[in-house]
N, C-alpha and C. Protein backbone atom coordinates (compact mmCIF):
# COMPACT_ATOMS: atom_id res chain seq x y z
N MET A 1 -84.99 22.69 9.12
CA MET A 1 -84.70 22.42 8.08
C MET A 1 -84.43 24.36 8.11
N LYS A 2 -85.58 25.00 9.10
CA LYS A 2 -85.89 26.33 8.95
C LYS A 2 -84.99 27.07 9.53
N LYS A 3 -84.25 26.29 10.77
CA LYS A 3 -82.99 26.85 11.64
C LYS A 3 -81.60 26.75 11.03
N THR A 4 -81.77 25.81 9.90
CA THR A 4 -80.89 25.95 9.12
C THR A 4 -80.52 26.61 8.12
N ALA A 5 -81.32 27.18 7.77
CA ALA A 5 -81.54 28.24 6.80
C ALA A 5 -81.36 29.83 7.33
N ILE A 6 -82.30 29.96 8.55
CA ILE A 6 -81.80 31.03 9.42
C ILE A 6 -80.52 31.43 9.60
N VAL A 7 -79.68 30.18 10.47
CA VAL A 7 -78.46 30.04 10.55
C VAL A 7 -77.53 30.64 9.32
N LEU A 8 -78.01 29.95 8.48
CA LEU A 8 -77.21 30.40 7.12
C LEU A 8 -77.26 31.75 6.85
N ILE A 9 -78.22 32.24 6.91
CA ILE A 9 -78.89 33.59 6.29
C ILE A 9 -77.95 34.50 7.50
N LEU A 10 -77.84 34.15 8.47
CA LEU A 10 -77.09 35.02 9.56
C LEU A 10 -75.79 34.84 9.49
N ILE A 11 -75.33 33.87 8.63
CA ILE A 11 -73.79 33.85 8.69
C ILE A 11 -73.40 34.48 7.42
N ILE A 12 -74.21 34.30 6.58
CA ILE A 12 -74.15 35.44 5.37
C ILE A 12 -74.30 36.70 5.46
N ILE A 13 -75.27 37.52 6.39
CA ILE A 13 -75.51 38.43 6.98
C ILE A 13 -74.12 39.03 7.77
N SER A 14 -73.51 38.14 8.25
CA SER A 14 -72.56 38.61 9.30
C SER A 14 -71.25 38.81 8.19
N ILE A 15 -71.03 37.91 7.31
CA ILE A 15 -69.85 38.00 6.43
C ILE A 15 -69.98 39.56 5.85
N SER A 16 -71.32 39.16 5.38
CA SER A 16 -71.27 40.73 4.47
C SER A 16 -71.13 41.99 5.31
N CYS A 17 -71.73 41.88 6.41
CA CYS A 17 -71.45 43.27 7.33
C CYS A 17 -70.05 43.25 7.47
N LYS A 18 -69.45 42.35 7.63
CA LYS A 18 -67.73 42.08 7.94
C LYS A 18 -66.78 42.73 6.76
N SER A 19 -67.39 42.59 5.36
CA SER A 19 -66.34 42.29 4.22
C SER A 19 -66.60 43.97 3.95
N GLY A 20 -68.06 44.38 4.12
CA GLY A 20 -68.35 45.61 3.62
C GLY A 20 -67.87 46.92 3.79
N PRO A 21 -67.63 46.93 5.43
CA PRO A 21 -67.12 48.20 6.00
C PRO A 21 -65.52 48.24 5.32
N THR A 22 -65.15 46.85 5.13
CA THR A 22 -63.52 46.71 5.25
C THR A 22 -63.07 47.14 3.87
N GLN A 23 -64.08 46.74 2.96
CA GLN A 23 -63.84 47.41 1.40
C GLN A 23 -64.08 49.13 1.44
N GLN A 24 -64.99 49.32 1.88
CA GLN A 24 -64.90 51.06 2.24
C GLN A 24 -64.05 51.67 2.46
N VAL A 25 -63.63 51.21 3.59
CA VAL A 25 -62.41 51.69 4.36
C VAL A 25 -60.92 51.71 3.65
N SER A 26 -60.93 50.47 3.25
CA SER A 26 -59.91 50.70 2.12
C SER A 26 -59.62 51.52 1.31
N SER A 27 -61.10 51.39 0.52
CA SER A 27 -60.66 52.95 -0.85
C SER A 27 -60.57 53.94 0.21
N VAL A 28 -61.11 54.29 1.05
CA VAL A 28 -60.69 55.90 1.71
C VAL A 28 -59.45 56.09 1.78
N VAL A 29 -58.73 54.77 2.16
CA VAL A 29 -57.48 55.11 2.80
C VAL A 29 -56.80 54.81 1.85
N ALA A 30 -56.80 54.47 0.55
CA ALA A 30 -56.16 54.69 -0.85
C ALA A 30 -56.41 56.09 -1.00
N ALA A 31 -57.37 56.91 -0.78
CA ALA A 31 -57.45 58.18 -1.41
C ALA A 31 -56.67 59.13 -0.59
N VAL A 32 -56.28 58.38 0.76
CA VAL A 32 -55.66 59.51 1.62
C VAL A 32 -54.18 59.80 1.36
N PRO A 33 -53.81 61.05 1.40
CA PRO A 33 -52.09 61.20 1.07
C PRO A 33 -51.38 60.44 2.06
N SER A 34 -50.18 60.07 1.87
CA SER A 34 -49.31 59.62 2.88
C SER A 34 -49.03 60.49 3.93
N PRO A 35 -48.13 59.77 4.92
CA PRO A 35 -48.35 60.78 6.09
C PRO A 35 -47.73 62.39 5.79
N ILE A 36 -48.48 63.23 6.54
CA ILE A 36 -48.35 64.61 6.35
C ILE A 36 -47.10 64.81 7.05
N PRO A 37 -46.23 65.57 6.41
CA PRO A 37 -45.09 66.05 7.33
C PRO A 37 -45.38 67.10 8.44
N VAL A 38 -44.86 66.63 9.68
CA VAL A 38 -45.00 67.81 10.84
C VAL A 38 -44.60 68.91 10.47
N MET A 39 -45.44 70.19 10.68
CA MET A 39 -45.06 71.64 10.52
C MET A 39 -44.38 72.29 11.25
N GLY A 40 -43.49 72.81 11.44
CA GLY A 40 -43.18 73.40 12.81
C GLY A 40 -43.82 74.66 12.69
N ALA A 41 -43.90 75.36 13.79
CA ALA A 41 -44.39 76.63 14.73
C ALA A 41 -44.17 77.69 13.91
N GLY A 42 -42.95 77.69 12.73
CA GLY A 42 -42.89 78.97 12.27
C GLY A 42 -43.36 78.68 10.65
N TYR A 43 -42.87 79.36 9.68
CA TYR A 43 -43.59 79.52 8.61
C TYR A 43 -42.88 78.71 7.48
N VAL A 44 -41.65 78.12 7.67
CA VAL A 44 -40.99 77.83 6.78
C VAL A 44 -40.55 75.95 7.24
N THR A 45 -41.09 75.25 6.44
CA THR A 45 -40.78 73.68 7.02
C THR A 45 -39.95 73.25 6.11
N ASP A 46 -38.93 73.04 5.96
CA ASP A 46 -38.07 72.49 4.98
C ASP A 46 -37.59 70.75 5.31
N ASN A 47 -38.52 69.90 4.97
CA ASN A 47 -38.22 68.43 5.26
C ASN A 47 -37.21 67.92 4.10
N ALA A 48 -37.22 68.69 2.93
CA ALA A 48 -36.52 68.44 1.79
C ALA A 48 -35.00 68.83 2.11
N HIS A 49 -34.67 69.50 3.21
CA HIS A 49 -33.19 70.11 3.43
C HIS A 49 -32.66 70.72 2.01
N VAL A 50 -33.22 71.65 1.54
CA VAL A 50 -32.86 72.22 0.11
C VAL A 50 -33.15 73.92 0.52
N ILE A 51 -33.26 74.59 1.49
CA ILE A 51 -33.29 75.76 2.04
C ILE A 51 -32.04 75.92 2.98
N ASP A 52 -30.80 76.97 2.15
CA ASP A 52 -29.96 77.14 3.43
C ASP A 52 -30.31 78.02 4.58
N GLU A 53 -29.79 77.74 5.55
CA GLU A 53 -30.38 78.61 6.85
C GLU A 53 -30.58 80.22 6.96
N ALA A 54 -29.40 80.97 6.12
CA ALA A 54 -29.49 82.29 5.82
C ALA A 54 -30.77 82.44 5.29
N THR A 55 -31.42 82.06 4.15
CA THR A 55 -32.18 81.87 3.39
C THR A 55 -33.50 81.51 4.15
N ARG A 56 -33.46 80.71 4.94
CA ARG A 56 -34.74 79.97 5.84
C ARG A 56 -35.18 81.21 6.91
N LYS A 57 -34.11 81.88 7.24
CA LYS A 57 -34.05 82.87 8.36
C LYS A 57 -34.83 84.03 7.54
N GLN A 58 -34.36 84.90 6.53
CA GLN A 58 -34.86 85.89 6.02
C GLN A 58 -36.18 85.51 5.38
N LEU A 59 -36.69 83.89 5.11
CA LEU A 59 -38.11 83.98 4.81
C LEU A 59 -38.84 84.06 5.81
N GLU A 60 -38.76 83.21 7.01
CA GLU A 60 -39.02 83.91 8.21
C GLU A 60 -39.53 84.96 8.63
N THR A 61 -38.38 85.70 8.67
CA THR A 61 -38.35 87.49 8.68
C THR A 61 -39.29 87.56 7.59
N THR A 62 -39.26 87.37 6.91
CA THR A 62 -40.53 88.18 5.66
C THR A 62 -41.87 87.72 6.09
N LEU A 63 -42.03 86.32 6.14
CA LEU A 63 -43.54 85.73 6.41
C LEU A 63 -44.22 86.61 7.80
N ALA A 64 -43.22 86.74 8.50
CA ALA A 64 -43.91 87.15 9.69
C ALA A 64 -44.39 88.75 9.79
N ALA A 65 -43.49 89.19 9.19
CA ALA A 65 -43.92 90.61 8.76
C ALA A 65 -44.89 90.38 7.79
N LEU A 66 -45.07 90.00 7.03
CA LEU A 66 -46.60 89.64 6.33
C LEU A 66 -48.06 89.46 7.22
N LYS A 67 -47.72 88.50 7.85
CA LYS A 67 -48.77 88.27 8.73
C LYS A 67 -49.14 89.46 9.99
N GLU A 68 -47.84 90.45 10.33
CA GLU A 68 -48.25 90.90 11.25
C GLU A 68 -49.03 92.73 10.66
N HIS A 69 -48.12 92.39 9.29
CA HIS A 69 -49.13 93.74 8.82
C HIS A 69 -50.33 93.69 7.84
N LYS A 70 -50.30 92.37 7.25
CA LYS A 70 -51.56 92.23 6.34
C LYS A 70 -52.37 91.39 7.13
N LYS A 71 -52.01 90.40 8.26
CA LYS A 71 -53.04 89.33 8.58
C LYS A 71 -53.31 88.41 7.52
N ILE A 72 -51.90 87.90 6.92
CA ILE A 72 -52.20 86.94 6.45
C ILE A 72 -50.94 86.20 6.55
N ASP A 73 -51.38 84.72 7.08
CA ASP A 73 -50.66 83.77 7.00
C ASP A 73 -50.03 82.73 5.66
N PHE A 74 -48.63 83.37 5.53
CA PHE A 74 -48.01 82.23 4.32
C PHE A 74 -46.95 81.40 4.79
N SER A 75 -47.32 80.19 4.69
CA SER A 75 -45.96 79.32 4.59
C SER A 75 -45.58 78.44 3.59
N VAL A 76 -44.46 77.92 3.91
CA VAL A 76 -43.75 77.22 2.86
C VAL A 76 -43.29 75.92 3.61
N VAL A 77 -43.89 75.16 2.85
CA VAL A 77 -43.68 73.40 3.18
C VAL A 77 -42.15 72.61 1.88
N THR A 78 -41.39 72.20 2.43
CA THR A 78 -40.63 71.37 1.15
C THR A 78 -40.65 70.04 1.47
N ILE A 79 -40.90 69.18 0.66
CA ILE A 79 -40.66 67.56 1.06
C ILE A 79 -40.00 66.56 -0.19
N PRO A 80 -39.08 65.78 0.12
CA PRO A 80 -38.59 65.22 -0.73
C PRO A 80 -39.26 64.86 -1.94
N SER A 81 -40.47 63.96 -1.56
CA SER A 81 -41.40 63.50 -2.50
C SER A 81 -43.15 63.04 -2.03
N ILE A 82 -43.86 63.59 -2.79
CA ILE A 82 -45.17 63.06 -2.32
C ILE A 82 -45.81 61.54 -3.17
N ASP A 83 -44.60 61.05 -3.45
CA ASP A 83 -44.88 59.69 -4.20
C ASP A 83 -45.95 59.82 -5.48
N ASP A 84 -46.77 59.06 -5.27
CA ASP A 84 -48.08 58.87 -6.42
C ASP A 84 -49.43 59.73 -5.84
N ASN A 85 -49.33 60.20 -4.61
CA ASN A 85 -50.36 61.28 -4.40
C ASN A 85 -50.22 62.64 -4.97
N PRO A 86 -51.69 62.87 -5.41
CA PRO A 86 -52.17 64.47 -6.11
C PRO A 86 -51.29 65.46 -5.31
N ILE A 87 -50.43 66.07 -5.75
CA ILE A 87 -50.33 67.49 -5.23
C ILE A 87 -50.93 68.34 -4.26
N TYR A 88 -52.22 68.74 -5.14
CA TYR A 88 -53.43 69.50 -4.44
C TYR A 88 -53.96 68.94 -3.60
N ASP A 89 -54.06 67.64 -3.31
CA ASP A 89 -54.71 66.98 -2.24
C ASP A 89 -53.74 67.07 -0.78
N TYR A 90 -52.12 66.69 -1.37
CA TYR A 90 -51.39 66.88 -0.33
C TYR A 90 -51.51 68.38 0.65
N SER A 91 -51.53 69.05 -0.47
CA SER A 91 -51.25 70.53 0.16
C SER A 91 -52.44 70.57 0.69
N LEU A 92 -53.57 70.63 0.07
CA LEU A 92 -54.99 70.79 0.61
C LEU A 92 -54.63 70.24 2.19
N GLY A 93 -54.52 68.93 2.78
CA GLY A 93 -54.31 68.26 3.71
C GLY A 93 -53.30 69.26 4.37
N LEU A 94 -52.28 69.68 4.52
CA LEU A 94 -51.11 70.38 5.00
C LEU A 94 -52.03 71.62 5.40
N ALA A 95 -52.64 72.52 4.03
CA ALA A 95 -53.37 73.89 4.71
C ALA A 95 -54.48 73.45 5.54
N GLN A 96 -54.87 72.40 5.61
CA GLN A 96 -56.22 72.24 6.84
C GLN A 96 -55.65 72.04 7.83
N GLU A 97 -54.22 71.39 8.08
CA GLU A 97 -53.84 71.17 9.40
C GLU A 97 -53.19 72.25 9.99
N ARG A 98 -52.47 73.24 9.05
CA ARG A 98 -51.99 74.29 9.49
C ARG A 98 -53.29 75.65 9.95
N LYS A 99 -54.17 75.41 9.17
CA LYS A 99 -55.48 76.44 9.49
C LYS A 99 -56.14 76.22 11.26
N LYS A 100 -56.23 74.77 11.40
CA LYS A 100 -56.80 74.23 12.56
C LYS A 100 -55.72 74.79 13.63
N GLU A 101 -54.68 74.29 13.58
CA GLU A 101 -53.18 75.05 14.39
C GLU A 101 -53.59 76.49 14.75
N ARG A 102 -53.80 77.39 13.60
CA ARG A 102 -53.78 78.76 13.83
C ARG A 102 -55.03 79.37 14.03
N ASP A 103 -56.32 78.61 13.99
CA ASP A 103 -57.42 78.82 14.73
C ASP A 103 -57.47 79.01 15.90
N SER A 104 -56.92 78.26 16.45
CA SER A 104 -56.97 77.81 17.90
C SER A 104 -56.14 78.99 18.38
N VAL A 105 -55.58 79.86 17.82
CA VAL A 105 -54.84 81.18 18.19
C VAL A 105 -55.57 82.18 17.69
N GLU A 106 -55.76 82.22 16.45
CA GLU A 106 -56.30 83.57 15.92
C GLU A 106 -57.45 83.12 14.76
N GLN A 107 -58.82 83.86 14.73
CA GLN A 107 -59.56 83.54 13.74
C GLN A 107 -59.15 84.78 12.59
N ASN A 108 -59.86 84.34 11.75
CA ASN A 108 -60.34 85.11 10.57
C ASN A 108 -58.59 85.52 10.01
N VAL A 109 -57.91 84.96 9.45
CA VAL A 109 -56.90 85.10 9.40
C VAL A 109 -56.53 84.39 7.93
N ALA A 110 -56.29 85.02 6.65
CA ALA A 110 -56.05 84.50 5.44
C ALA A 110 -54.57 83.69 4.84
N MET A 111 -54.64 82.57 4.50
CA MET A 111 -53.82 81.80 4.49
C MET A 111 -53.54 81.51 2.92
N LEU A 112 -51.94 80.86 2.63
CA LEU A 112 -51.23 80.60 1.50
C LEU A 112 -50.32 79.72 2.13
N LEU A 113 -50.30 78.76 1.43
CA LEU A 113 -49.47 77.65 1.98
C LEU A 113 -48.42 77.13 0.35
N LEU A 114 -46.93 77.24 0.48
CA LEU A 114 -46.45 76.86 -0.71
C LEU A 114 -45.84 75.64 -0.44
N LEU A 115 -46.62 74.44 -1.23
CA LEU A 115 -45.58 72.87 -0.96
C LEU A 115 -44.61 72.96 -2.36
N VAL A 116 -43.50 72.28 -2.21
CA VAL A 116 -42.59 72.03 -2.97
C VAL A 116 -42.15 70.53 -2.86
N SER A 117 -42.38 69.61 -3.73
CA SER A 117 -42.25 68.46 -3.66
C SER A 117 -40.66 68.52 -4.66
N VAL A 118 -39.76 68.32 -3.76
CA VAL A 118 -38.40 68.30 -4.76
C VAL A 118 -38.17 67.39 -5.80
N ASP A 119 -38.18 66.06 -5.44
CA ASP A 119 -37.69 65.28 -6.31
C ASP A 119 -38.94 64.72 -7.25
N ASP A 120 -40.28 65.23 -7.00
CA ASP A 120 -41.22 64.93 -7.99
C ASP A 120 -41.30 66.49 -8.95
N ARG A 121 -40.44 67.15 -8.66
CA ARG A 121 -40.35 68.56 -9.53
C ARG A 121 -41.80 69.04 -9.67
N ARG A 122 -42.51 69.17 -8.37
CA ARG A 122 -43.94 69.72 -8.83
C ARG A 122 -44.07 71.03 -7.27
N TRP A 123 -44.63 71.80 -7.65
CA TRP A 123 -45.30 72.68 -6.35
C TRP A 123 -46.85 72.97 -6.79
N HIS A 124 -47.05 73.35 -5.59
CA HIS A 124 -48.81 74.24 -5.90
C HIS A 124 -48.78 74.85 -4.69
N VAL A 125 -49.78 75.84 -4.65
CA VAL A 125 -49.87 76.66 -3.82
C VAL A 125 -51.66 76.84 -3.26
N GLN A 126 -51.77 76.34 -1.87
CA GLN A 126 -52.85 76.68 -1.67
C GLN A 126 -53.74 77.91 -0.85
N ILE A 127 -54.73 78.25 -1.05
CA ILE A 127 -54.97 79.76 -0.61
C ILE A 127 -56.42 79.68 -0.32
N THR A 128 -56.57 80.43 0.61
CA THR A 128 -58.00 80.42 1.34
C THR A 128 -58.86 81.13 0.59
N ARG A 129 -60.14 81.16 0.17
CA ARG A 129 -61.28 81.72 -0.23
C ARG A 129 -61.19 82.77 -0.55
N ASP A 130 -60.65 83.63 0.56
CA ASP A 130 -60.61 85.06 0.77
C ASP A 130 -59.75 86.30 -0.11
N LEU A 131 -58.63 85.02 -0.51
CA LEU A 131 -58.13 85.38 -1.50
C LEU A 131 -58.07 84.96 -2.74
N GLU A 132 -58.87 84.24 -3.35
CA GLU A 132 -58.82 83.37 -4.63
C GLU A 132 -59.49 84.59 -5.43
N SER A 133 -59.98 85.36 -5.29
CA SER A 133 -60.48 86.52 -6.33
C SER A 133 -59.17 87.58 -6.64
N HIS A 134 -58.38 87.61 -5.58
CA HIS A 134 -57.47 88.82 -5.69
C HIS A 134 -56.07 87.66 -6.12
N LEU A 135 -55.88 86.61 -6.16
CA LEU A 135 -54.60 85.79 -6.52
C LEU A 135 -55.53 84.28 -7.28
N THR A 136 -55.72 84.60 -8.41
CA THR A 136 -56.35 83.64 -9.22
C THR A 136 -55.37 82.59 -9.50
N HIS A 137 -55.56 81.37 -10.25
CA HIS A 137 -54.39 80.06 -10.37
C HIS A 137 -53.38 80.97 -11.39
N GLU A 138 -54.04 81.83 -12.31
CA GLU A 138 -53.10 82.28 -13.75
C GLU A 138 -52.26 83.19 -13.15
N ILE A 139 -52.86 83.97 -12.04
CA ILE A 139 -51.53 84.84 -11.71
C ILE A 139 -50.59 84.24 -10.41
N LEU A 140 -50.84 83.38 -9.81
CA LEU A 140 -49.79 82.74 -9.08
C LEU A 140 -49.06 82.04 -10.05
N ARG A 141 -49.54 81.18 -10.75
CA ARG A 141 -48.70 80.67 -12.00
C ARG A 141 -47.74 81.48 -12.88
N SER A 142 -48.33 82.58 -13.06
CA SER A 142 -47.29 83.12 -14.07
C SER A 142 -46.45 84.38 -13.27
N MET A 143 -46.31 84.23 -11.95
CA MET A 143 -45.30 84.73 -10.88
C MET A 143 -44.15 83.75 -10.60
N SER A 144 -44.55 82.43 -11.40
CA SER A 144 -43.80 81.01 -10.72
C SER A 144 -42.65 81.20 -11.35
N ILE A 145 -42.51 81.54 -12.81
CA ILE A 145 -41.49 81.41 -13.92
C ILE A 145 -39.86 81.72 -12.73
N PRO A 146 -39.71 83.02 -12.42
CA PRO A 146 -38.37 83.04 -11.52
C PRO A 146 -37.84 81.99 -10.47
N MET A 147 -39.22 81.14 -10.11
CA MET A 147 -38.84 79.95 -8.98
C MET A 147 -38.59 78.92 -9.69
N THR A 148 -39.53 78.49 -10.75
CA THR A 148 -39.04 77.32 -11.43
C THR A 148 -37.90 77.45 -12.24
N ASP A 149 -37.26 78.57 -12.59
CA ASP A 149 -36.05 78.47 -13.58
C ASP A 149 -35.03 78.17 -12.09
N ALA A 150 -35.11 78.95 -10.67
CA ALA A 150 -34.13 78.45 -9.80
C ALA A 150 -34.24 77.09 -9.75
N PHE A 151 -35.42 76.50 -9.65
CA PHE A 151 -35.35 75.11 -9.23
C PHE A 151 -35.03 74.32 -10.20
N ARG A 152 -34.73 74.44 -11.50
CA ARG A 152 -34.07 73.54 -12.37
C ARG A 152 -32.74 73.90 -12.19
N GLN A 153 -32.05 75.05 -11.59
CA GLN A 153 -30.81 74.92 -11.33
C GLN A 153 -30.13 74.60 -10.04
N LYS A 154 -31.55 73.61 -9.36
CA LYS A 154 -31.27 73.05 -8.03
C LYS A 154 -30.92 74.06 -6.59
N GLN A 155 -31.59 75.57 -6.96
CA GLN A 155 -31.48 76.48 -6.11
C GLN A 155 -32.91 76.93 -5.26
N TYR A 156 -33.24 75.64 -4.62
CA TYR A 156 -34.50 76.03 -4.08
C TYR A 156 -34.98 77.02 -3.30
N GLY A 157 -33.87 77.32 -2.42
CA GLY A 157 -34.31 78.29 -1.27
C GLY A 157 -34.33 79.72 -2.02
N LYS A 158 -33.61 79.75 -3.17
CA LYS A 158 -33.32 81.26 -3.80
C LYS A 158 -34.79 81.24 -4.95
N GLY A 159 -35.06 80.14 -5.38
CA GLY A 159 -36.55 79.97 -6.28
C GLY A 159 -37.87 80.45 -5.22
N ILE A 160 -37.72 79.55 -4.08
CA ILE A 160 -38.94 80.06 -3.35
C ILE A 160 -38.87 81.42 -2.69
N SER A 161 -37.69 81.83 -2.26
CA SER A 161 -37.82 83.31 -1.85
C SER A 161 -38.08 84.47 -3.00
N LYS A 162 -37.53 84.02 -3.94
CA LYS A 162 -38.10 84.91 -5.36
C LYS A 162 -39.51 84.87 -5.48
N TYR A 163 -40.27 83.41 -5.33
CA TYR A 163 -41.75 83.19 -5.35
C TYR A 163 -42.39 84.01 -4.14
N VAL A 164 -42.22 83.89 -3.35
CA VAL A 164 -42.62 84.63 -1.86
C VAL A 164 -42.88 86.00 -1.92
N ASN A 165 -41.49 86.75 -2.35
CA ASN A 165 -41.37 87.85 -2.64
C ASN A 165 -42.53 88.55 -3.81
N ALA A 166 -42.77 87.54 -4.69
CA ALA A 166 -43.66 88.14 -5.79
C ALA A 166 -45.03 87.92 -5.65
N VAL A 167 -45.29 86.82 -4.65
CA VAL A 167 -46.86 87.18 -4.11
C VAL A 167 -46.94 88.06 -3.13
N ILE A 168 -46.13 88.48 -2.03
CA ILE A 168 -45.89 89.76 -1.13
C ILE A 168 -46.16 91.04 -2.27
N ALA A 169 -45.16 91.36 -2.82
CA ALA A 169 -45.53 92.34 -4.00
C ALA A 169 -46.58 92.32 -4.57
N LYS A 170 -47.42 91.70 -4.83
CA LYS A 170 -49.06 91.45 -5.86
C LYS A 170 -49.76 91.44 -4.47
N LEU A 171 -49.68 91.18 -3.46
CA LEU A 171 -50.59 91.76 -2.13
C LEU A 171 -50.30 92.80 -2.09
N ASP A 172 -49.16 93.58 -2.08
CA ASP A 172 -49.07 95.15 -1.88
C ASP A 172 -49.64 95.55 -2.81
N GLN A 173 -49.41 95.23 -4.09
CA GLN A 173 -50.29 96.41 -5.34
C GLN A 173 -51.62 96.43 -5.17
N LEU A 174 -52.37 95.30 -4.82
CA LEU A 174 -53.75 95.11 -4.68
C LEU A 174 -54.34 95.58 -3.17
N ASP A 175 -53.10 96.12 -2.54
CA ASP A 175 -53.69 96.85 -1.26
C ASP A 175 -54.53 95.74 -0.27
N ILE A 176 -54.11 94.49 -0.01
CA ILE A 176 -55.03 93.61 0.86
C ILE A 176 -54.65 94.21 2.16
N ARG A 177 -55.37 94.31 3.11
CA ARG A 177 -55.14 94.20 4.51
C ARG A 177 -55.95 93.45 5.23
């Protein structure tokens, strides 16, 4: 009788141990955004294919100059959709991945990442803490009107370019180095 009770208890414990972590893992997996798009080595990753080549080259040149003069790494990512994922979490994952890549090359660089989810008609900017006091959410949102107006006309490259230039102009006004 005691052996049966011990075996039964061991079976229950082993079943609960097997199902416990699986449930926790499944809840964690549900919170993780869908696969993060591979970001190129440059400053513009156009996975949604909405930026024409001339605008992409102009953005790459502008963002490279910002990095050289101000030590601020500003990248742009377009994707077709983030599905049901929160855009903040998705853009944070992208920014963290880019920061890991950049930290292996250069430390202490301020960063911005503009994510545009075209089909979802959503966008978000991630910034490092050292820029938060200079570029508040209110400032970033107020500068977005020309961008979102261009997006409504399906001119994503033009809108992104306007926003990037507005942010850089704001950084120049603040004389951030």
